[in-house]
Amino acid sequence: MRRALIITIAAIAAATLAACSSSPNAPAANPGGPLSTTQPAAAATPSAPPAATTQTKSGQGTDVVTLDTSVEVGILKFDCSKCTGTVEVKTDAEYDPNIVFYGHKAPYVGTSWLGMRGDTVTRIQVNTKGPWTVTVGGLDLIRVVDGKSPIAGKGDEVLRLTTPAGAAAITNKGGQYSNFTVWVMTDGTSSPELAVNEVGGSYEGTVMFPVAGPDKIQLVQVKSDGNWTITPK
């Protein structure tokens, strides 16, 4: 399952790049397609998953979103920029179901990855006050950076580094009781690796990133309620 997950991530990235360089009518990559069950020896040249349409659902207050198509590997963007009070978002995935933890202050806008441990998402629970929009799709929903220049951001975000980094100097300025985490997933790892896990308002340090595989795929998931920087090394 995990080997198949790596193959799927690599295929999604390859299909996304191909779509960007082909005609406007070319189909987009599908992060929610079925995971391959092919054994590693027979999967040297995996094909991209079938094309999929980005799923967008809007709602108000506390509600449950049921996706039209279940997602095994993908990106979730949650826009609650007009919400008040607090925000909580969780999925029905067995592993890592929490997208926005209970008690996070509104408003909120952020991206998170789905299915990086080989699970499936079909439903999403939203708890908040105000209007919101959930968008589930592929790597086109995340920011792409060169992996060489300093990166600045705010809140929860998924990044793709086109040049994988072996390490990074990281800073964060968040809430006093917040939990700041940085996860890294590559085509050379079997599951996401936790690079930073810090409780408190401030963090500064240099940490190793896992080595990417032959397809040079490196995704970084930042979870923060403040401002952060990542300087690849």
C-alpha atoms as a PDB file:
ATOM      1  CA  MET A   1       0.000   0.000   0.000  1.00  0.00           C
ATOM      2  CA  ARG A   2       2.697   2.511   0.948  1.00  0.00           C
ATOM      3  CA  ARG A   3       4.786   1.736  -2.144  1.00  0.00           C
ATOM      4  CA  ALA A   4       1.661   2.242  -4.250  1.00  0.00           C
ATOM      5  CA  LEU A   5       1.063   5.568  -2.498  1.00  0.00           C
ATOM      6  CA  ILE A   6       4.540   6.807  -3.466  1.00  0.00           C
ATOM      7  CA  ILE A   7       3.914   5.752  -7.078  1.00  0.00           C
ATOM      8  CA  THR A   8       0.611   7.635  -7.075  1.00  0.00           C
ATOM      9  CA  ILE A   9       2.220  10.829  -5.715  1.00  0.00           C
ATOM     10  CA  ALA A  10       4.908  10.684  -8.381  1.00  0.00           C
ATOM     11  CA  ALA A  11       2.303  10.051 -11.084  1.00  0.00           C
ATOM     12  CA  ILE A  12       0.186  12.999  -9.910  1.00  0.00           C
ATOM     13  CA  ALA A  13       3.197  15.309 -10.023  1.00  0.00           C
ATOM     14  CA  ALA A  14       4.215  14.087 -13.473  1.00  0.00           C
ATOM     15  CA  ALA A  15       0.690  14.467 -14.810  1.00  0.00           C
ATOM     16  CA  THR A  16       0.399  17.964 -13.337  1.00  0.00           C
ATOM     17  CA  LEU A  17       3.602  19.076 -15.055  1.00  0.00           C
ATOM     18  CA  ALA A  18       2.511  17.467 -18.317  1.00  0.00           C
ATOM     19  CA  ALA A  19      -0.863  19.212 -18.168  1.00  0.00           C
ATOM     20  CA  CYS A  20       0.816  22.579 -17.637  1.00  0.00           C
ATOM     21  CA  SER A  21       3.010  22.137 -20.721  1.00  0.00           C
ATOM     22  CA  SER A  22       0.358  20.633 -23.025  1.00  0.00           C
ATOM     23  CA  SER A  23      -2.708  22.074 -24.706  1.00  0.00           C
ATOM     24  CA  PRO A  24      -5.371  23.907 -22.640  1.00  0.00           C
ATOM     25  CA  ASN A  25      -7.770  21.026 -23.224  1.00  0.00           C
ATOM     26  CA  ALA A  26      -5.454  18.404 -21.733  1.00  0.00           C
ATOM     27  CA  PRO A  27      -6.971  16.533 -18.768  1.00  0.00           C
ATOM     28  CA  ALA A  28      -5.763  17.380 -15.258  1.00  0.00           C
ATOM     29  CA  ALA A  29      -4.140  14.949 -12.834  1.00  0.00           C
ATOM     30  CA  ASN A  30      -6.383  13.021 -10.478  1.00  0.00           C
ATOM     31  CA  PRO A  31      -5.205  12.861  -6.868  1.00  0.00           C
ATOM     32  CA  GLY A  32      -8.300  10.951  -5.868  1.00  0.00           C
ATOM     33  CA  GLY A  33      -7.923   8.065  -8.310  1.00  0.00           C
ATOM     34  CA  PRO A  34      -7.502   4.496  -7.067  1.00  0.00           C
ATOM     35  CA  LEU A  35      -4.114   3.519  -5.694  1.00  0.00           C
ATOM     36  CA  SER A  36      -2.139   1.040  -7.778  1.00  0.00           C
ATOM     37  CA  THR A  37      -1.743  -2.460  -6.384  1.00  0.00           C
ATOM     38  CA  THR A  38       1.122  -3.317  -8.755  1.00  0.00           C
ATOM     39  CA  GLN A  39       4.195  -4.769  -7.101  1.00  0.00           C
ATOM     40  CA  PRO A  40       7.335  -2.549  -7.113  1.00  0.00           C
ATOM     41  CA  ALA A  41       9.144  -4.679  -9.696  1.00  0.00           C
ATOM     42  CA  ALA A  42       6.371  -4.088 -12.227  1.00  0.00           C
ATOM     43  CA  ALA A  43       5.844  -0.399 -11.411  1.00  0.00           C
ATOM     44  CA  ALA A  44       9.019   1.172 -12.773  1.00  0.00           C
ATOM     45  CA  THR A  45       7.060   3.373 -15.185  1.00  0.00           C
ATOM     46  CA  PRO A  46       3.703   4.089 -13.517  1.00  0.00           C
ATOM     47  CA  SER A  47       0.978   5.776 -15.504  1.00  0.00           C
ATOM     48  CA  ALA A  48      -0.826   8.837 -14.171  1.00  0.00           C
ATOM     49  CA  PRO A  49      -4.181   8.335 -12.453  1.00  0.00           C
ATOM     50  CA  PRO A  50      -7.273   9.086 -14.577  1.00  0.00           C
ATOM     51  CA  ALA A  51      -8.416  12.683 -14.889  1.00  0.00           C
ATOM     52  CA  ALA A  52     -10.620  14.139 -12.141  1.00  0.00           C
ATOM     53  CA  THR A  53     -12.598  17.302 -11.535  1.00  0.00           C
ATOM     54  CA  THR A  54     -11.837  19.455  -8.506  1.00  0.00           C
ATOM     55  CA  GLN A  55     -14.654  19.145  -5.965  1.00  0.00           C
ATOM     56  CA  THR A  56     -15.920  22.353  -4.355  1.00  0.00           C
ATOM     57  CA  LYS A  57     -18.570  22.420  -1.617  1.00  0.00           C
ATOM     58  CA  SER A  58     -19.904  25.471   0.235  1.00  0.00           C
ATOM     59  CA  GLY A  59     -21.840  25.635   3.469  1.00  0.00           C
ATOM     60  CA  GLN A  60     -22.769  27.591   6.571  1.00  0.00           C
ATOM     61  CA  GLY A  61     -21.944  26.897  10.207  1.00  0.00           C
ATOM     62  CA  THR A  62     -21.695  23.333  11.491  1.00  0.00           C
ATOM     63  CA  ASP A  63     -22.323  20.800   8.730  1.00  0.00           C
ATOM     64  CA  VAL A  64     -21.100  17.611   7.046  1.00  0.00           C
ATOM     65  CA  VAL A  65     -19.696  17.576   3.494  1.00  0.00           C
ATOM     66  CA  THR A  66     -20.028  14.383   1.469  1.00  0.00           C
ATOM     67  CA  LEU A  67     -17.646  14.261  -1.485  1.00  0.00           C
ATOM     68  CA  ASP A  68     -18.969  13.193  -4.871  1.00  0.00           C
ATOM     69  CA  THR A  69     -15.864  11.021  -5.298  1.00  0.00           C
ATOM     70  CA  SER A  70     -13.786   9.586  -2.450  1.00  0.00           C
ATOM     71  CA  VAL A  71     -10.200  10.856  -2.305  1.00  0.00           C
ATOM     72  CA  GLU A  72      -7.191   8.678  -1.552  1.00  0.00           C
ATOM     73  CA  VAL A  73      -4.395  11.179  -2.242  1.00  0.00           C
ATOM     74  CA  GLY A  74      -5.084  14.888  -2.644  1.00  0.00           C
ATOM     75  CA  ILE A  75      -5.162  18.412  -1.301  1.00  0.00           C
ATOM     76  CA  LEU A  76      -7.919  20.069   0.750  1.00  0.00           C
ATOM     77  CA  LYS A  77      -8.310  23.848   0.797  1.00  0.00           C
ATOM     78  CA  PHE A  78     -10.624  25.293   3.440  1.00  0.00           C
ATOM     79  CA  ASP A  79     -11.730  28.933   3.141  1.00  0.00           C
ATOM     80  CA  CYS A  80     -13.469  30.218   6.256  1.00  0.00           C
ATOM     81  CA  SER A  81     -12.317  33.811   5.856  1.00  0.00           C
ATOM     82  CA  LYS A  82     -15.687  35.215   6.964  1.00  0.00           C
ATOM     83  CA  CYS A  83     -16.167  32.885   9.925  1.00  0.00           C
ATOM     84  CA  THR A  84     -16.269  33.993  13.553  1.00  0.00           C
ATOM     85  CA  GLY A  85     -15.459  32.280  16.830  1.00  0.00           C
ATOM     86  CA  THR A  86     -13.509  29.058  16.310  1.00  0.00           C
ATOM     87  CA  VAL A  87     -12.985  26.584  13.471  1.00  0.00           C
ATOM     88  CA  GLU A  88     -12.678  22.793  13.460  1.00  0.00           C
ATOM     89  CA  VAL A  89     -12.385  20.556  10.384  1.00  0.00           C
ATOM     90  CA  LYS A  90     -11.968  16.785  10.429  1.00  0.00           C
ATOM     91  CA  THR A  91     -12.440  13.950   7.956  1.00  0.00           C
ATOM     92  CA  ASP A  92     -13.595  10.340   8.178  1.00  0.00           C
ATOM     93  CA  ALA A  93     -10.072   9.077   7.421  1.00  0.00           C
ATOM     94  CA  GLU A  94      -8.726   6.449   9.799  1.00  0.00           C
ATOM     95  CA  TYR A  95      -5.300   8.094   9.922  1.00  0.00           C
ATOM     96  CA  ASP A  96      -4.714  11.829  10.529  1.00  0.00           C
ATOM     97  CA  PRO A  97      -8.408  12.827  10.386  1.00  0.00           C
ATOM     98  CA  ASN A  98      -7.916  16.296  11.899  1.00  0.00           C
ATOM     99  CA  ILE A  99      -7.430  19.077   9.349  1.00  0.00           C
ATOM    100  CA  VAL A 100      -8.051  22.083  11.617  1.00  0.00           C
ATOM    101  CA  PHE A 101      -7.888  21.222  15.302  1.00  0.00           C
ATOM    102  CA  TYR A 102     -10.620  22.154  17.751  1.00  0.00           C
ATOM    103  CA  GLY A 103     -10.264  25.685  19.156  1.00  0.00           C
ATOM    104  CA  HIS A 104      -8.482  27.254  16.183  1.00  0.00           C
ATOM    105  CA  LYS A 105      -9.530  30.898  16.010  1.00  0.00           C
ATOM    106  CA  ALA A 106     -11.498  32.181  13.020  1.00  0.00           C
ATOM    107  CA  PRO A 107     -11.135  33.487  10.376  1.00  0.00           C
ATOM    108  CA  TYR A 108      -9.189  30.696   8.680  1.00  0.00           C
ATOM    109  CA  VAL A 109      -7.817  29.938   5.197  1.00  0.00           C
ATOM    110  CA  GLY A 110      -5.418  27.055   4.629  1.00  0.00           C
ATOM    111  CA  THR A 111      -4.421  23.939   2.700  1.00  0.00           C
ATOM    112  CA  SER A 112      -3.741  20.410   3.969  1.00  0.00           C
ATOM    113  CA  TRP A 113      -2.838  17.154   2.283  1.00  0.00           C
ATOM    114  CA  LEU A 114      -5.037  14.061   2.350  1.00  0.00           C
ATOM    115  CA  GLY A 115      -4.246  10.357   2.244  1.00  0.00           C
ATOM    116  CA  MET A 116      -0.498  10.485   2.810  1.00  0.00           C
ATOM    117  CA  ARG A 117      -0.742   7.373   4.978  1.00  0.00           C
ATOM    118  CA  GLY A 118      -2.777   5.430   2.453  1.00  0.00           C
ATOM    119  CA  ASP A 119      -6.285   6.249   3.688  1.00  0.00           C
ATOM    120  CA  THR A 120      -9.503   7.408   2.013  1.00  0.00           C
ATOM    121  CA  VAL A 121     -11.614  10.522   2.642  1.00  0.00           C
ATOM    122  CA  THR A 122     -15.327  10.510   1.821  1.00  0.00           C
ATOM    123  CA  ARG A 123     -16.859  12.908   4.374  1.00  0.00           C
ATOM    124  CA  ILE A 124     -15.709  16.117   6.064  1.00  0.00           C
ATOM    125  CA  GLN A 125     -17.078  17.567   9.316  1.00  0.00           C
ATOM    126  CA  VAL A 126     -17.008  21.369   9.687  1.00  0.00           C
ATOM    127  CA  ASN A 127     -17.681  23.089  13.022  1.00  0.00           C
ATOM    128  CA  THR A 128     -17.748  26.894  12.943  1.00  0.00           C
ATOM    129  CA  LYS A 129     -19.949  29.978  12.654  1.00  0.00           C
ATOM    130  CA  GLY A 130     -20.250  31.616   9.252  1.00  0.00           C
ATOM    131  CA  PRO A 131     -19.975  30.742   5.546  1.00  0.00           C
ATOM    132  CA  TRP A 132     -17.189  28.487   4.259  1.00  0.00           C
ATOM    133  CA  THR A 133     -15.965  26.650   1.170  1.00  0.00           C
ATOM    134  CA  VAL A 134     -14.169  23.298   0.936  1.00  0.00           C
ATOM    135  CA  THR A 135     -12.158  22.532  -2.209  1.00  0.00           C
ATOM    136  CA  VAL A 136     -10.605  19.099  -2.754  1.00  0.00           C
ATOM    137  CA  GLY A 137      -8.300  18.506  -5.688  1.00  0.00           C
ATOM    138  CA  GLY A 138      -4.715  17.930  -6.780  1.00  0.00           C
ATOM    139  CA  LEU A 139      -1.337  19.608  -6.605  1.00  0.00           C
ATOM    140  CA  ASP A 140      -2.649  22.600  -8.551  1.00  0.00           C
ATOM    141  CA  LEU A 141      -4.179  23.780  -5.240  1.00  0.00           C
ATOM    142  CA  ILE A 142      -0.789  24.262  -3.567  1.00  0.00           C
ATOM    143  CA  ARG A 143       2.058  26.742  -3.885  1.00  0.00           C
ATOM    144  CA  VAL A 144       5.055  25.609  -5.930  1.00  0.00           C
ATOM    145  CA  VAL A 145       8.462  26.979  -4.876  1.00  0.00           C
ATOM    146  CA  ASP A 146      11.925  26.447  -6.310  1.00  0.00           C
ATOM    147  CA  GLY A 147      13.365  24.861  -3.168  1.00  0.00           C
ATOM    148  CA  LYS A 148      16.333  27.216  -3.213  1.00  0.00           C
ATOM    149  CA  SER A 149      14.983  30.601  -2.104  1.00  0.00           C
ATOM    150  CA  PRO A 150      13.602  31.512   1.347  1.00  0.00           C
ATOM    151  CA  ILE A 151       9.864  30.846   1.717  1.00  0.00           C
ATOM    152  CA  ALA A 152       7.512  32.942   3.850  1.00  0.00           C
ATOM    153  CA  GLY A 153       3.976  32.018   4.769  1.00  0.00           C
ATOM    154  CA  LYS A 154       1.168  32.208   7.299  1.00  0.00           C
ATOM    155  CA  GLY A 155      -1.040  29.530   8.792  1.00  0.00           C
ATOM    156  CA  ASP A 156      -1.562  26.034   7.368  1.00  0.00           C
ATOM    157  CA  GLU A 157      -0.080  25.406   3.934  1.00  0.00           C
ATOM    158  CA  VAL A 158       1.221  22.636   1.686  1.00  0.00           C
ATOM    159  CA  LEU A 159       4.236  23.424  -0.488  1.00  0.00           C
ATOM    160  CA  ARG A 160       5.912  21.593  -3.328  1.00  0.00           C
ATOM    161  CA  LEU A 161       9.660  22.129  -3.654  1.00  0.00           C
ATOM    162  CA  THR A 162      10.734  21.621  -7.270  1.00  0.00           C
ATOM    163  CA  THR A 163      14.332  21.242  -6.068  1.00  0.00           C
ATOM    164  CA  PRO A 164      14.180  18.991  -2.974  1.00  0.00           C
ATOM    165  CA  ALA A 165      15.990  20.316   0.081  1.00  0.00           C
ATOM    166  CA  GLY A 166      18.158  18.196   2.346  1.00  0.00           C
ATOM    167  CA  ALA A 167      17.583  20.508   5.316  1.00  0.00           C
ATOM    168  CA  ALA A 168      15.915  23.804   6.156  1.00  0.00           C
ATOM    169  CA  ALA A 169      16.217  26.663   8.619  1.00  0.00           C
ATOM    170  CA  ILE A 170      12.721  27.236   9.991  1.00  0.00           C
ATOM    171  CA  THR A 171      11.144  29.975  12.098  1.00  0.00           C
ATOM    172  CA  ASN A 172       7.626  30.440  13.458  1.00  0.00           C
ATOM    173  CA  LYS A 173       5.836  33.127  15.440  1.00  0.00           C
ATOM    174  CA  GLY A 174       2.465  31.844  16.583  1.00  0.00           C
ATOM    175  CA  GLY A 175       0.142  31.778  19.560  1.00  0.00           C
ATOM    176  CA  GLN A 176       1.458  31.063  23.033  1.00  0.00           C
ATOM    177  CA  TYR A 177      -0.351  27.724  23.344  1.00  0.00           C
ATOM    178  CA  SER A 178      -0.281  26.694  19.690  1.00  0.00           C
ATOM    179  CA  ASN A 179       1.346  23.590  18.205  1.00  0.00           C
ATOM    180  CA  PHE A 180       3.691  24.245  15.273  1.00  0.00           C
ATOM    181  CA  THR A 181       4.487  21.272  13.060  1.00  0.00           C
ATOM    182  CA  VAL A 182       6.291  20.707   9.770  1.00  0.00           C
ATOM    183  CA  TRP A 183       5.837  17.415   7.919  1.00  0.00           C
ATOM    184  CA  VAL A 184       7.744  16.307   4.805  1.00  0.00           C
ATOM    185  CA  MET A 185       6.692  13.686   2.245  1.00  0.00           C
ATOM    186  CA  THR A 186       8.829  12.555  -0.706  1.00  0.00           C
ATOM    187  CA  ASP A 187       8.776   9.837  -3.335  1.00  0.00           C
ATOM    188  CA  GLY A 188      11.653   8.300  -1.367  1.00  0.00           C
ATOM    189  CA  THR A 189       9.768   7.913   1.940  1.00  0.00           C
ATOM    190  CA  SER A 190       7.023   5.463   2.868  1.00  0.00           C
ATOM    191  CA  SER A 191       5.046   8.008   4.927  1.00  0.00           C
ATOM    192  CA  PRO A 192       5.292  11.663   6.023  1.00  0.00           C
ATOM    193  CA  GLU A 193       8.202  12.472   8.336  1.00  0.00           C
ATOM    194  CA  LEU A 194       7.829  14.939  11.204  1.00  0.00           C
ATOM    195  CA  ALA A 195      10.593  17.556  10.924  1.00  0.00           C
ATOM    196  CA  VAL A 196       9.325  20.008  13.577  1.00  0.00           C
ATOM    197  CA  ASN A 197       6.923  19.563  16.479  1.00  0.00           C
ATOM    198  CA  GLU A 198       6.945  22.570  18.808  1.00  0.00           C
ATOM    199  CA  VAL A 199       4.420  23.722  21.406  1.00  0.00           C
ATOM    200  CA  GLY A 200       4.540  27.462  22.039  1.00  0.00           C
ATOM    201  CA  GLY A 201       4.566  30.772  20.258  1.00  0.00           C
ATOM    202  CA  SER A 202       8.093  30.835  18.848  1.00  0.00           C
ATOM    203  CA  TYR A 203      10.386  28.408  17.061  1.00  0.00           C
ATOM    204  CA  GLU A 204      13.759  28.712  15.360  1.00  0.00           C
ATOM    205  CA  GLY A 205      16.011  25.893  14.218  1.00  0.00           C
ATOM    206  CA  THR A 206      17.575  23.972  11.346  1.00  0.00           C
ATOM    207  CA  VAL A 207      16.291  20.460  10.669  1.00  0.00           C
ATOM    208  CA  MET A 208      16.914  17.632   8.205  1.00  0.00           C
ATOM    209  CA  PHE A 209      14.433  16.869   5.448  1.00  0.00           C
ATOM    210  CA  PRO A 210      14.081  13.296   4.123  1.00  0.00           C
ATOM    211  CA  VAL A 211      15.876  12.584   0.862  1.00  0.00           C
ATOM    212  CA  ALA A 212      13.697  12.557  -2.247  1.00  0.00           C
ATOM    213  CA  GLY A 213      13.573   9.576  -4.603  1.00  0.00           C
ATOM    214  CA  PRO A 214      14.278   9.382  -8.336  1.00  0.00           C
ATOM    215  CA  ASP A 215      11.249  11.511  -9.253  1.00  0.00           C
ATOM    216  CA  LYS A 216      12.446  14.361  -6.996  1.00  0.00           C
ATOM    217  CA  ILE A 217       9.034  14.849  -5.362  1.00  0.00           C
ATOM    218  CA  GLN A 218       9.076  16.749  -2.068  1.00  0.00           C
ATOM    219  CA  LEU A 219       5.952  18.082  -0.366  1.00  0.00           C
ATOM    220  CA  VAL A 220       5.995  20.080   2.879  1.00  0.00           C
ATOM    221  CA  GLN A 221       2.976  20.460   5.179  1.00  0.00           C
ATOM    222  CA  VAL A 222       3.146  23.392   7.607  1.00  0.00           C
ATOM    223  CA  LYS A 223       0.662  23.632  10.490  1.00  0.00           C
ATOM    224  CA  SER A 224       0.788  27.002  12.262  1.00  0.00           C
ATOM    225  CA  ASP A 225      -1.464  29.749  13.575  1.00  0.00           C
ATOM    226  CA  GLY A 226       1.132  32.441  12.875  1.00  0.00           C
ATOM    227  CA  ASN A 227       3.835  33.591  10.476  1.00  0.00           C
ATOM    228  CA  TRP A 228       6.639  31.228   9.457  1.00  0.00           C
ATOM    229  CA  THR A 229       9.677  31.024   7.202  1.00  0.00           C
ATOM    230  CA  ILE A 230      11.484  28.084   5.585  1.00  0.00           C
ATOM    231  CA  THR A 231      14.973  28.588   4.153  1.00  0.00           C
ATOM    232  CA  PRO A 232      16.100  25.502   2.208  1.00  0.00           C
ATOM    233  CA  LYS A 233      19.668  24.326   2.747  1.00  0.00           C
END
